[in-house]
Amino acid sequence: MRYVIGICLVAGFLVWDVAYNDGRYIESGVMELKRLTAMVGA
């Protein structure tokens, strides 16, 4: 049951971000992941 709640929370955040912020938080998160992987060397 907790997995369903977690998935709903993540999906709700993604919908909110795209609807109200034009995906700003998703984009910055992806850029941060790319930066971290480049720093690690993967």
PDB file of N, CA and C in Angstrom:
ATOM      1  N   MET A   1       0.829  -1.206   0.000  1.00  0.00           N
ATOM      2  CA  MET A   1       0.000   0.000   0.000  1.00  0.00           C
ATOM      3  C   MET A   1       0.865   1.258   0.000  1.00  0.00           C
ATOM      4  N   ARG A   2       1.992   1.211   0.716  1.00  0.00           N
ATOM      5  CA  ARG A   2       2.835   2.409   0.779  1.00  0.00           C
ATOM      6  C   ARG A   2       3.465   2.713  -0.575  1.00  0.00           C
ATOM      7  N   TYR A   3       3.682   1.664  -1.395  1.00  0.00           N
ATOM      8  CA  TYR A   3       4.215   1.899  -2.729  1.00  0.00           C
ATOM      9  C   TYR A   3       3.211   2.653  -3.592  1.00  0.00           C
ATOM     10  N   VAL A   4       1.946   2.315  -3.451  1.00  0.00           N
ATOM     11  CA  VAL A   4       0.902   3.002  -4.211  1.00  0.00           C
ATOM     12  C   VAL A   4       0.845   4.467  -3.802  1.00  0.00           C
ATOM     13  N   ILE A   5       0.953   4.734  -2.514  1.00  0.00           N
ATOM     14  CA  ILE A   5       0.937   6.115  -2.027  1.00  0.00           C
ATOM     15  C   ILE A   5       2.154   6.874  -2.563  1.00  0.00           C
ATOM     16  N   GLY A   6       3.313   6.232  -2.552  1.00  0.00           N
ATOM     17  CA  GLY A   6       4.525   6.871  -3.062  1.00  0.00           C
ATOM     18  C   GLY A   6       4.419   7.187  -4.541  1.00  0.00           C
ATOM     19  N   ILE A   7       3.898   6.242  -5.314  1.00  0.00           N
ATOM     20  CA  ILE A   7       3.733   6.459  -6.747  1.00  0.00           C
ATOM     21  C   ILE A   7       2.739   7.581  -7.006  1.00  0.00           C
ATOM     22  N   CYS A   8       1.666   7.620  -6.235  1.00  0.00           N
ATOM     23  CA  CYS A   8       0.681   8.703  -6.398  1.00  0.00           C
ATOM     24  C   CYS A   8       1.283  10.060  -6.048  1.00  0.00           C
ATOM     25  N   LEU A   9       2.108  10.119  -5.024  1.00  0.00           N
ATOM     26  CA  LEU A   9       2.750  11.378  -4.658  1.00  0.00           C
ATOM     27  C   LEU A   9       3.692  11.852  -5.762  1.00  0.00           C
ATOM     28  N   VAL A  10       4.492  10.948  -6.304  1.00  0.00           N
ATOM     29  CA  VAL A  10       5.422  11.321  -7.366  1.00  0.00           C
ATOM     30  C   VAL A  10       4.651  11.764  -8.611  1.00  0.00           C
ATOM     31  N   ALA A  11       3.623  11.005  -8.970  1.00  0.00           N
ATOM     32  CA  ALA A  11       2.828  11.366 -10.153  1.00  0.00           C
ATOM     33  C   ALA A  11       2.138  12.712  -9.942  1.00  0.00           C
ATOM     34  N   GLY A  12       1.621  12.946  -8.752  1.00  0.00           N
ATOM     35  CA  GLY A  12       0.988  14.224  -8.455  1.00  0.00           C
ATOM     36  C   GLY A  12       1.965  15.382  -8.550  1.00  0.00           C
ATOM     37  N   PHE A  13       3.188  15.171  -8.061  1.00  0.00           N
ATOM     38  CA  PHE A  13       4.202  16.220  -8.161  1.00  0.00           C
ATOM     39  C   PHE A  13       4.539  16.511  -9.614  1.00  0.00           C
ATOM     40  N   LEU A  14       4.689  15.458 -10.427  1.00  0.00           N
ATOM     41  CA  LEU A  14       5.023  15.658 -11.841  1.00  0.00           C
ATOM     42  C   LEU A  14       3.920  16.417 -12.567  1.00  0.00           C
ATOM     43  N   VAL A  15       2.681  16.065 -12.303  1.00  0.00           N
ATOM     44  CA  VAL A  15       1.558  16.753 -12.949  1.00  0.00           C
ATOM     45  C   VAL A  15       1.512  18.209 -12.500  1.00  0.00           C
ATOM     46  N   TRP A  16       1.709  18.452 -11.210  1.00  0.00           N
ATOM     47  CA  TRP A  16       1.701  19.823 -10.694  1.00  0.00           C
ATOM     48  C   TRP A  16       2.814  20.647 -11.318  1.00  0.00           C
ATOM     49  N   ASP A  17       4.006  20.059 -11.424  1.00  0.00           N
ATOM     50  CA  ASP A  17       5.140  20.790 -11.970  1.00  0.00           C
ATOM     51  C   ASP A  17       4.904  21.149 -13.431  1.00  0.00           C
ATOM     52  N   VAL A  18       4.423  20.212 -14.216  1.00  0.00           N
ATOM     53  CA  VAL A  18       4.185  20.480 -15.637  1.00  0.00           C
ATOM     54  C   VAL A  18       3.039  21.481 -15.811  1.00  0.00           C
ATOM     55  N   ALA A  19       2.003  21.351 -15.008  1.00  0.00           N
ATOM     56  CA  ALA A  19       0.822  22.194 -15.180  1.00  0.00           C
ATOM     57  C   ALA A  19       1.066  23.636 -14.733  1.00  0.00           C
ATOM     58  N   TYR A  20       1.775  23.818 -13.612  1.00  0.00           N
ATOM     59  CA  TYR A  20       1.884  25.166 -13.042  1.00  0.00           C
ATOM     60  C   TYR A  20       3.255  25.805 -13.199  1.00  0.00           C
ATOM     61  N   ASN A  21       4.300  25.010 -13.436  1.00  0.00           N
ATOM     62  CA  ASN A  21       5.661  25.558 -13.494  1.00  0.00           C
ATOM     63  C   ASN A  21       6.359  25.280 -14.822  1.00  0.00           C
ATOM     64  N   ASP A  22       5.643  24.769 -15.803  1.00  0.00           N
ATOM     65  CA  ASP A  22       6.224  24.438 -17.106  1.00  0.00           C
ATOM     66  C   ASP A  22       7.396  23.472 -16.990  1.00  0.00           C
ATOM     67  N   GLY A  23       7.357  22.582 -16.018  1.00  0.00           N
ATOM     68  CA  GLY A  23       8.393  21.560 -15.864  1.00  0.00           C
ATOM     69  C   GLY A  23       9.719  22.075 -15.360  1.00  0.00           C
ATOM     70  N   ARG A  24       9.712  23.202 -14.669  1.00  0.00           N
ATOM     71  CA  ARG A  24      10.957  23.817 -14.207  1.00  0.00           C
ATOM     72  C   ARG A  24      11.713  22.921 -13.232  1.00  0.00           C
ATOM     73  N   TYR A  25      11.012  22.316 -12.276  1.00  0.00           N
ATOM     74  CA  TYR A  25      11.680  21.492 -11.276  1.00  0.00           C
ATOM     75  C   TYR A  25      12.176  20.184 -11.884  1.00  0.00           C
ATOM     76  N   ILE A  26      11.420  19.625 -12.819  1.00  0.00           N
ATOM     77  CA  ILE A  26      11.854  18.399 -13.493  1.00  0.00           C
ATOM     78  C   ILE A  26      13.126  18.683 -14.286  1.00  0.00           C
ATOM     79  N   GLU A  27      13.132  19.791 -15.016  1.00  0.00           N
ATOM     80  CA  GLU A  27      14.292  20.138 -15.836  1.00  0.00           C
ATOM     81  C   GLU A  27      15.525  20.378 -14.972  1.00  0.00           C
ATOM     82  N   SER A  28      15.364  21.088 -13.874  1.00  0.00           N
ATOM     83  CA  SER A  28      16.528  21.343 -13.021  1.00  0.00           C
ATOM     84  C   SER A  28      17.008  20.055 -12.360  1.00  0.00           C
ATOM     85  N   GLY A  29      16.100  19.141 -12.047  1.00  0.00           N
ATOM     86  CA  GLY A  29      16.497  17.855 -11.482  1.00  0.00           C
ATOM     87  C   GLY A  29      17.273  17.008 -12.466  1.00  0.00           C
ATOM     88  N   VAL A  30      16.846  17.013 -13.719  1.00  0.00           N
ATOM     89  CA  VAL A  30      17.558  16.257 -14.749  1.00  0.00           C
ATOM     90  C   VAL A  30      18.954  16.848 -14.969  1.00  0.00           C
ATOM     91  N   MET A  31      19.050  18.156 -15.003  1.00  0.00           N
ATOM     92  CA  MET A  31      20.357  18.795 -15.194  1.00  0.00           C
ATOM     93  C   MET A  31      21.289  18.484 -14.025  1.00  0.00           C
ATOM     94  N   GLU A  32      20.753  18.451 -12.828  1.00  0.00           N
ATOM     95  CA  GLU A  32      21.567  18.137 -11.651  1.00  0.00           C
ATOM     96  C   GLU A  32      22.055  16.694 -11.703  1.00  0.00           C
ATOM     97  N   LEU A  33      21.192  15.761 -12.127  1.00  0.00           N
ATOM     98  CA  LEU A  33      21.613  14.368 -12.267  1.00  0.00           C
ATOM     99  C   LEU A  33      22.715  14.211 -13.313  1.00  0.00           C
ATOM    100  N   LYS A  34      22.577  14.932 -14.426  1.00  0.00           N
ATOM    101  CA  LYS A  34      23.616  14.882 -15.465  1.00  0.00           C
ATOM    102  C   LYS A  34      24.945  15.418 -14.914  1.00  0.00           C
ATOM    103  N   ARG A  35      24.873  16.492 -14.144  1.00  0.00           N
ATOM    104  CA  ARG A  35      26.087  17.074 -13.573  1.00  0.00           C
ATOM    105  C   ARG A  35      26.746  16.121 -12.588  1.00  0.00           C
ATOM    106  N   LEU A  36      25.931  15.465 -11.764  1.00  0.00           N
ATOM    107  CA  LEU A  36      26.485  14.524 -10.789  1.00  0.00           C
ATOM    108  C   LEU A  36      27.104  13.302 -11.462  1.00  0.00           C
ATOM    109  N   THR A  37      26.449  12.782 -12.493  1.00  0.00           N
ATOM    110  CA  THR A  37      27.019  11.626 -13.179  1.00  0.00           C
ATOM    111  C   THR A  37      28.303  11.990 -13.906  1.00  0.00           C
ATOM    112  N   ALA A  38      28.373  13.203 -14.444  1.00  0.00           N
ATOM    113  CA  ALA A  38      29.620  13.641 -15.086  1.00  0.00           C
ATOM    114  C   ALA A  38      30.715  13.807 -14.053  1.00  0.00           C
ATOM    115  N   MET A  39      30.379  14.257 -12.853  1.00  0.00           N
ATOM    116  CA  MET A  39      31.347  14.440 -11.800  1.00  0.00           C
ATOM    117  C   MET A  39      31.875  13.085 -11.319  1.00  0.00           C
ATOM    118  N   VAL A  40      31.004  12.085 -11.250  1.00  0.00           N
ATOM    119  CA  VAL A  40      31.420  10.750 -10.813  1.00  0.00           C
ATOM    120  C   VAL A  40      32.222  10.065 -11.912  1.00  0.00           C
ATOM    121  N   GLY A  41      31.897  10.382 -13.153  1.00  0.00           N
ATOM    122  CA  GLY A  41      32.621   9.818 -14.278  1.00  0.00           C
ATOM    123  C   GLY A  41      31.906   8.662 -14.940  1.00  0.00           C
ATOM    124  N   ALA A  42      30.609   8.548 -14.685  1.00  0.00           N
ATOM    125  CA  ALA A  42      29.849   7.439 -15.278  1.00  0.00           C
ATOM    126  C   ALA A  42      29.406   7.792 -16.673  1.00  0.00           C
TER     127      ALA A  42
END
